Amino acid sequence: MVDVDAQLKKFQKELSAGVVSLTLLAVLARASEPLYGYLIAKRLEQVGAGVLSGKQSALYPVLRNMEAAGLLESHVEPSDAGPPRRCYRITAVGHQVLAQWAGAWRATRDSVDSILEGIPA
């Protein structure tokens, strides 16, 4: 017997893999100052209506990979309330990549939406 809930969780996990990078870049592009991981996660929860919530620990490897690719830059700031925090800011290349990814996302979304038209939600 097929576990429908398990299939949904698997689909959501696969779908969120690429979406996390796109949304991280978008959050950092909107920020007026560098953000550390916890603040990035909170902003994702606020604007993402909870769709990306609960994934905070998964953000850090993605942030490190995007920094290694030149899409982000970071620096460490001391904290009054605990250990130092690594703060991230989007780079010029990151802005260019975000524009490309956003276009690809919209094209994919529109295509999938047209295919799904008439399928009950």
N, C-alpha and C. Protein backbone atom coordinates (compact mmCIF):
# COMPACT_ATOMS: atom_id res chain seq x y z
N MET A 1 0.83 -1.18 0.00
CA MET A 1 0.00 0.00 0.00
C MET A 1 0.88 1.25 0.00
N VAL A 2 0.55 2.20 -0.82
CA VAL A 2 1.34 3.43 -0.96
C VAL A 2 0.96 4.40 0.17
N ASP A 3 1.98 4.94 0.83
CA ASP A 3 1.78 5.93 1.89
C ASP A 3 1.77 7.31 1.23
N VAL A 4 0.58 7.86 1.08
CA VAL A 4 0.41 9.14 0.38
C VAL A 4 1.14 10.26 1.11
N ASP A 5 1.09 10.27 2.43
CA ASP A 5 1.78 11.32 3.19
C ASP A 5 3.29 11.24 2.99
N ALA A 6 3.82 10.03 2.94
CA ALA A 6 5.26 9.86 2.71
C ALA A 6 5.64 10.35 1.32
N GLN A 7 4.78 10.12 0.34
CA GLN A 7 5.04 10.60 -1.02
C GLN A 7 5.05 12.12 -1.06
N LEU A 8 4.15 12.76 -0.31
CA LEU A 8 4.12 14.21 -0.25
C LEU A 8 5.40 14.75 0.38
N LYS A 9 5.84 14.15 1.48
CA LYS A 9 7.07 14.59 2.15
C LYS A 9 8.27 14.45 1.22
N LYS A 10 8.35 13.35 0.50
CA LYS A 10 9.45 13.13 -0.44
C LYS A 10 9.43 14.19 -1.54
N PHE A 11 8.25 14.47 -2.08
CA PHE A 11 8.11 15.48 -3.13
C PHE A 11 8.52 16.86 -2.61
N GLN A 12 8.06 17.21 -1.41
CA GLN A 12 8.39 18.51 -0.84
C GLN A 12 9.89 18.65 -0.60
N LYS A 13 10.54 17.58 -0.16
CA LYS A 13 11.98 17.61 0.07
C LYS A 13 12.72 17.85 -1.25
N GLU A 14 12.34 17.12 -2.28
CA GLU A 14 12.99 17.27 -3.58
C GLU A 14 12.75 18.66 -4.17
N LEU A 15 11.54 19.14 -4.02
CA LEU A 15 11.19 20.46 -4.55
C LEU A 15 11.95 21.57 -3.83
N SER A 16 12.09 21.45 -2.52
CA SER A 16 12.71 22.52 -1.76
C SER A 16 14.21 22.62 -1.97
N ALA A 17 14.84 21.59 -2.48
CA ALA A 17 16.30 21.60 -2.65
C ALA A 17 16.77 22.80 -3.46
N GLY A 18 16.18 23.04 -4.61
CA GLY A 18 16.59 24.18 -5.44
C GLY A 18 15.96 25.49 -5.00
N VAL A 19 14.79 25.39 -4.45
CA VAL A 19 14.06 26.60 -4.05
C VAL A 19 14.77 27.31 -2.90
N VAL A 20 15.41 26.56 -2.02
CA VAL A 20 16.09 27.18 -0.88
C VAL A 20 17.17 28.15 -1.36
N SER A 21 17.97 27.76 -2.33
CA SER A 21 19.03 28.65 -2.83
C SER A 21 18.44 29.91 -3.45
N LEU A 22 17.40 29.75 -4.23
CA LEU A 22 16.74 30.90 -4.85
C LEU A 22 16.19 31.85 -3.79
N THR A 23 15.51 31.32 -2.80
CA THR A 23 14.90 32.18 -1.79
C THR A 23 15.95 32.81 -0.88
N LEU A 24 17.04 32.11 -0.60
CA LEU A 24 18.12 32.70 0.19
C LEU A 24 18.69 33.92 -0.52
N LEU A 25 18.96 33.77 -1.80
CA LEU A 25 19.47 34.92 -2.56
C LEU A 25 18.48 36.07 -2.55
N ALA A 26 17.20 35.76 -2.70
CA ALA A 26 16.19 36.82 -2.72
C ALA A 26 16.10 37.54 -1.37
N VAL A 27 16.15 36.80 -0.29
CA VAL A 27 16.11 37.41 1.04
C VAL A 27 17.31 38.32 1.23
N LEU A 28 18.48 37.85 0.84
CA LEU A 28 19.69 38.67 1.01
C LEU A 28 19.69 39.86 0.06
N ALA A 29 19.09 39.73 -1.11
CA ALA A 29 19.00 40.86 -2.04
C ALA A 29 18.10 41.95 -1.49
N ARG A 30 17.08 41.57 -0.76
CA ARG A 30 16.15 42.54 -0.16
C ARG A 30 16.70 43.22 1.09
N ALA A 31 17.67 42.59 1.73
CA ALA A 31 18.19 43.09 3.00
C ALA A 31 19.03 44.35 2.81
N SER A 32 18.87 45.29 3.72
CA SER A 32 19.64 46.53 3.65
C SER A 32 20.99 46.39 4.33
N GLU A 33 21.19 45.28 5.04
CA GLU A 33 22.45 45.03 5.74
C GLU A 33 22.72 43.53 5.74
N PRO A 34 23.96 43.13 6.02
CA PRO A 34 24.25 41.69 6.08
C PRO A 34 23.40 41.01 7.15
N LEU A 35 23.05 39.76 6.89
CA LEU A 35 22.21 38.99 7.82
C LEU A 35 22.94 37.72 8.24
N TYR A 36 22.71 37.29 9.47
CA TYR A 36 23.25 36.01 9.93
C TYR A 36 22.16 34.95 9.79
N GLY A 37 22.57 33.70 9.88
CA GLY A 37 21.69 32.57 9.57
C GLY A 37 20.33 32.59 10.22
N TYR A 38 20.27 32.87 11.52
CA TYR A 38 18.98 32.87 12.22
C TYR A 38 18.04 33.92 11.63
N LEU A 39 18.56 35.11 11.35
CA LEU A 39 17.71 36.17 10.76
C LEU A 39 17.25 35.79 9.36
N ILE A 40 18.12 35.15 8.60
CA ILE A 40 17.73 34.69 7.26
C ILE A 40 16.59 33.70 7.38
N ALA A 41 16.72 32.75 8.30
CA ALA A 41 15.68 31.74 8.51
C ALA A 41 14.36 32.39 8.93
N LYS A 42 14.42 33.38 9.81
CA LYS A 42 13.21 34.07 10.26
C LYS A 42 12.54 34.81 9.10
N ARG A 43 13.33 35.45 8.28
CA ARG A 43 12.75 36.16 7.12
C ARG A 43 12.13 35.18 6.13
N LEU A 44 12.77 34.03 5.94
CA LEU A 44 12.19 33.00 5.07
C LEU A 44 10.83 32.55 5.61
N GLU A 45 10.75 32.38 6.93
CA GLU A 45 9.48 31.97 7.54
C GLU A 45 8.42 33.05 7.37
N GLN A 46 8.79 34.31 7.56
CA GLN A 46 7.84 35.41 7.47
C GLN A 46 7.28 35.58 6.07
N VAL A 47 8.15 35.65 5.08
CA VAL A 47 7.68 35.91 3.72
C VAL A 47 7.25 34.66 2.99
N GLY A 48 7.73 33.51 3.45
CA GLY A 48 7.42 32.25 2.78
C GLY A 48 6.18 31.57 3.31
N ALA A 49 5.43 32.23 4.19
CA ALA A 49 4.20 31.70 4.76
C ALA A 49 4.41 30.30 5.34
N GLY A 50 5.59 30.07 5.92
CA GLY A 50 5.85 28.80 6.58
C GLY A 50 6.25 27.67 5.65
N VAL A 51 6.23 27.88 4.35
CA VAL A 51 6.55 26.81 3.40
C VAL A 51 7.98 26.33 3.60
N LEU A 52 8.89 27.24 3.93
CA LEU A 52 10.29 26.87 4.09
C LEU A 52 10.71 26.82 5.55
N SER A 53 9.77 26.85 6.47
CA SER A 53 10.12 26.84 7.89
C SER A 53 10.64 25.48 8.31
N GLY A 54 11.39 25.48 9.42
CA GLY A 54 11.92 24.24 9.95
C GLY A 54 13.14 23.74 9.22
N LYS A 55 13.73 24.55 8.39
CA LYS A 55 14.88 24.12 7.60
C LYS A 55 16.14 24.91 7.97
N GLN A 56 16.16 25.52 9.16
CA GLN A 56 17.27 26.40 9.51
C GLN A 56 18.62 25.71 9.45
N SER A 57 18.74 24.50 9.97
CA SER A 57 20.03 23.82 9.95
C SER A 57 20.50 23.52 8.53
N ALA A 58 19.56 23.36 7.62
CA ALA A 58 19.91 23.08 6.23
C ALA A 58 20.42 24.33 5.51
N LEU A 59 20.20 25.50 6.08
CA LEU A 59 20.61 26.74 5.42
C LEU A 59 22.13 26.91 5.41
N TYR A 60 22.79 26.49 6.47
CA TYR A 60 24.21 26.78 6.60
C TYR A 60 25.07 26.14 5.51
N PRO A 61 24.87 24.87 5.18
CA PRO A 61 25.66 24.32 4.07
C PRO A 61 25.37 25.02 2.75
N VAL A 62 24.12 25.43 2.54
CA VAL A 62 23.76 26.13 1.31
C VAL A 62 24.45 27.50 1.28
N LEU A 63 24.44 28.20 2.40
CA LEU A 63 25.11 29.50 2.48
C LEU A 63 26.61 29.35 2.19
N ARG A 64 27.23 28.33 2.77
CA ARG A 64 28.67 28.12 2.53
C ARG A 64 28.94 27.79 1.06
N ASN A 65 28.10 26.96 0.46
CA ASN A 65 28.29 26.63 -0.96
C ASN A 65 28.11 27.84 -1.84
N MET A 66 27.12 28.68 -1.53
CA MET A 66 26.90 29.87 -2.35
C MET A 66 28.03 30.88 -2.16
N GLU A 67 28.60 30.93 -0.97
CA GLU A 67 29.75 31.81 -0.76
C GLU A 67 30.95 31.29 -1.56
N ALA A 68 31.17 29.99 -1.52
CA ALA A 68 32.28 29.39 -2.29
C ALA A 68 32.12 29.64 -3.79
N ALA A 69 30.89 29.73 -4.25
CA ALA A 69 30.62 29.98 -5.67
C ALA A 69 30.69 31.47 -6.02
N GLY A 70 30.90 32.33 -5.02
CA GLY A 70 31.02 33.76 -5.29
C GLY A 70 29.69 34.51 -5.30
N LEU A 71 28.61 33.85 -4.91
CA LEU A 71 27.30 34.49 -4.92
C LEU A 71 27.05 35.31 -3.65
N LEU A 72 27.76 34.94 -2.59
CA LEU A 72 27.65 35.64 -1.30
C LEU A 72 29.05 35.94 -0.78
N GLU A 73 29.12 36.90 0.13
CA GLU A 73 30.33 37.12 0.89
C GLU A 73 29.93 37.20 2.36
N SER A 74 30.85 36.90 3.24
CA SER A 74 30.51 36.90 4.66
C SER A 74 31.64 37.49 5.49
N HIS A 75 31.27 37.85 6.70
CA HIS A 75 32.24 38.28 7.70
C HIS A 75 31.69 37.87 9.06
N VAL A 76 32.57 37.79 10.04
CA VAL A 76 32.17 37.39 11.38
C VAL A 76 32.06 38.64 12.24
N GLU A 77 30.94 38.73 12.96
CA GLU A 77 30.70 39.85 13.89
C GLU A 77 30.60 39.31 15.31
N PRO A 78 31.19 40.02 16.26
CA PRO A 78 31.02 39.59 17.65
C PRO A 78 29.56 39.76 18.08
N SER A 79 29.14 38.98 19.06
CA SER A 79 27.77 39.05 19.55
C SER A 79 27.78 39.25 21.05
N ASP A 80 26.91 40.12 21.53
CA ASP A 80 26.78 40.34 22.98
C ASP A 80 26.08 39.17 23.65
N ALA A 81 25.28 38.43 22.88
CA ALA A 81 24.42 37.39 23.45
C ALA A 81 24.89 35.98 23.10
N GLY A 82 26.17 35.79 22.87
CA GLY A 82 26.62 34.44 22.54
C GLY A 82 27.85 34.46 21.66
N PRO A 83 28.04 33.37 20.92
CA PRO A 83 29.23 33.28 20.07
C PRO A 83 29.15 34.27 18.90
N PRO A 84 30.28 34.54 18.26
CA PRO A 84 30.27 35.43 17.09
C PRO A 84 29.34 34.88 16.01
N ARG A 85 28.82 35.79 15.19
CA ARG A 85 27.89 35.42 14.12
C ARG A 85 28.51 35.68 12.77
N ARG A 86 28.32 34.74 11.85
CA ARG A 86 28.74 34.94 10.47
C ARG A 86 27.59 35.61 9.72
N CYS A 87 27.86 36.78 9.18
CA CYS A 87 26.85 37.56 8.46
C CYS A 87 27.12 37.48 6.96
N TYR A 88 26.03 37.37 6.20
CA TYR A 88 26.13 37.18 4.75
C TYR A 88 25.51 38.34 4.00
N ARG A 89 26.11 38.64 2.85
CA ARG A 89 25.59 39.67 1.94
C ARG A 89 25.74 39.12 0.52
N ILE A 90 24.78 39.46 -0.33
CA ILE A 90 24.81 39.03 -1.72
C ILE A 90 25.85 39.86 -2.48
N THR A 91 26.54 39.22 -3.41
CA THR A 91 27.54 39.92 -4.23
C THR A 91 26.91 40.39 -5.54
N ALA A 92 27.67 41.13 -6.32
CA ALA A 92 27.19 41.57 -7.64
C ALA A 92 26.88 40.37 -8.52
N VAL A 93 27.75 39.35 -8.48
CA VAL A 93 27.50 38.13 -9.24
C VAL A 93 26.24 37.44 -8.72
N GLY A 94 26.06 37.46 -7.40
CA GLY A 94 24.85 36.89 -6.81
C GLY A 94 23.59 37.56 -7.32
N HIS A 95 23.63 38.87 -7.48
CA HIS A 95 22.47 39.60 -8.04
C HIS A 95 22.19 39.15 -9.48
N GLN A 96 23.25 38.96 -10.26
CA GLN A 96 23.07 38.51 -11.65
C GLN A 96 22.48 37.10 -11.69
N VAL A 97 23.00 36.22 -10.85
CA VAL A 97 22.50 34.85 -10.79
C VAL A 97 21.05 34.84 -10.31
N LEU A 98 20.74 35.67 -9.31
CA LEU A 98 19.36 35.75 -8.81
C LEU A 98 18.41 36.14 -9.93
N ALA A 99 18.79 37.10 -10.74
CA ALA A 99 17.92 37.52 -11.86
C ALA A 99 17.69 36.36 -12.82
N GLN A 100 18.75 35.61 -13.13
CA GLN A 100 18.60 34.46 -14.02
C GLN A 100 17.73 33.37 -13.40
N TRP A 101 18.00 33.06 -12.14
CA TRP A 101 17.23 32.02 -11.45
C TRP A 101 15.76 32.42 -11.32
N ALA A 102 15.51 33.70 -11.03
CA ALA A 102 14.12 34.16 -10.89
C ALA A 102 13.39 33.99 -12.22
N GLY A 103 14.06 34.32 -13.32
CA GLY A 103 13.45 34.12 -14.63
C GLY A 103 13.17 32.65 -14.92
N ALA A 104 14.13 31.80 -14.58
CA ALA A 104 13.93 30.36 -14.78
C ALA A 104 12.81 29.84 -13.90
N TRP A 105 12.74 30.32 -12.67
CA TRP A 105 11.66 29.91 -11.76
C TRP A 105 10.30 30.31 -12.32
N ARG A 106 10.19 31.55 -12.75
CA ARG A 106 8.88 32.03 -13.27
C ARG A 106 8.46 31.24 -14.50
N ALA A 107 9.41 30.96 -15.39
CA ALA A 107 9.09 30.19 -16.59
C ALA A 107 8.65 28.78 -16.22
N THR A 108 9.35 28.17 -15.29
CA THR A 108 8.99 26.82 -14.83
C THR A 108 7.62 26.84 -14.15
N ARG A 109 7.43 27.80 -13.25
CA ARG A 109 6.14 27.92 -12.54
C ARG A 109 4.99 28.08 -13.53
N ASP A 110 5.16 28.97 -14.49
CA ASP A 110 4.09 29.21 -15.46
C ASP A 110 3.79 27.96 -16.28
N SER A 111 4.84 27.25 -16.67
CA SER A 111 4.66 26.03 -17.44
C SER A 111 3.94 24.96 -16.63
N VAL A 112 4.38 24.76 -15.40
CA VAL A 112 3.75 23.76 -14.54
C VAL A 112 2.31 24.17 -14.24
N ASP A 113 2.08 25.45 -13.96
CA ASP A 113 0.71 25.91 -13.70
C ASP A 113 -0.21 25.64 -14.88
N SER A 114 0.29 25.85 -16.10
CA SER A 114 -0.56 25.60 -17.26
C SER A 114 -0.86 24.11 -17.43
N ILE A 115 0.11 23.27 -17.09
CA ILE A 115 -0.10 21.82 -17.17
C ILE A 115 -1.10 21.37 -16.11
N LEU A 116 -1.00 21.97 -14.92
CA LEU A 116 -1.87 21.58 -13.79
C LEU A 116 -3.26 22.21 -13.85
N GLU A 117 -3.49 23.11 -14.78
CA GLU A 117 -4.76 23.79 -14.85
C GLU A 117 -5.90 22.77 -14.94
N GLY A 118 -6.87 22.95 -14.08
CA GLY A 118 -8.03 22.06 -14.06
C GLY A 118 -7.88 20.87 -13.11
N ILE A 119 -6.66 20.67 -12.57
CA ILE A 119 -6.45 19.59 -11.60
C ILE A 119 -6.87 20.14 -10.23
N PRO A 120 -7.77 19.44 -9.52
CA PRO A 120 -8.18 19.95 -8.21
C PRO A 120 -7.02 20.01 -7.22
N ALA A 121 -7.03 21.06 -6.41
CA ALA A 121 -5.95 21.24 -5.43
C ALA A 121 -6.20 20.41 -4.20
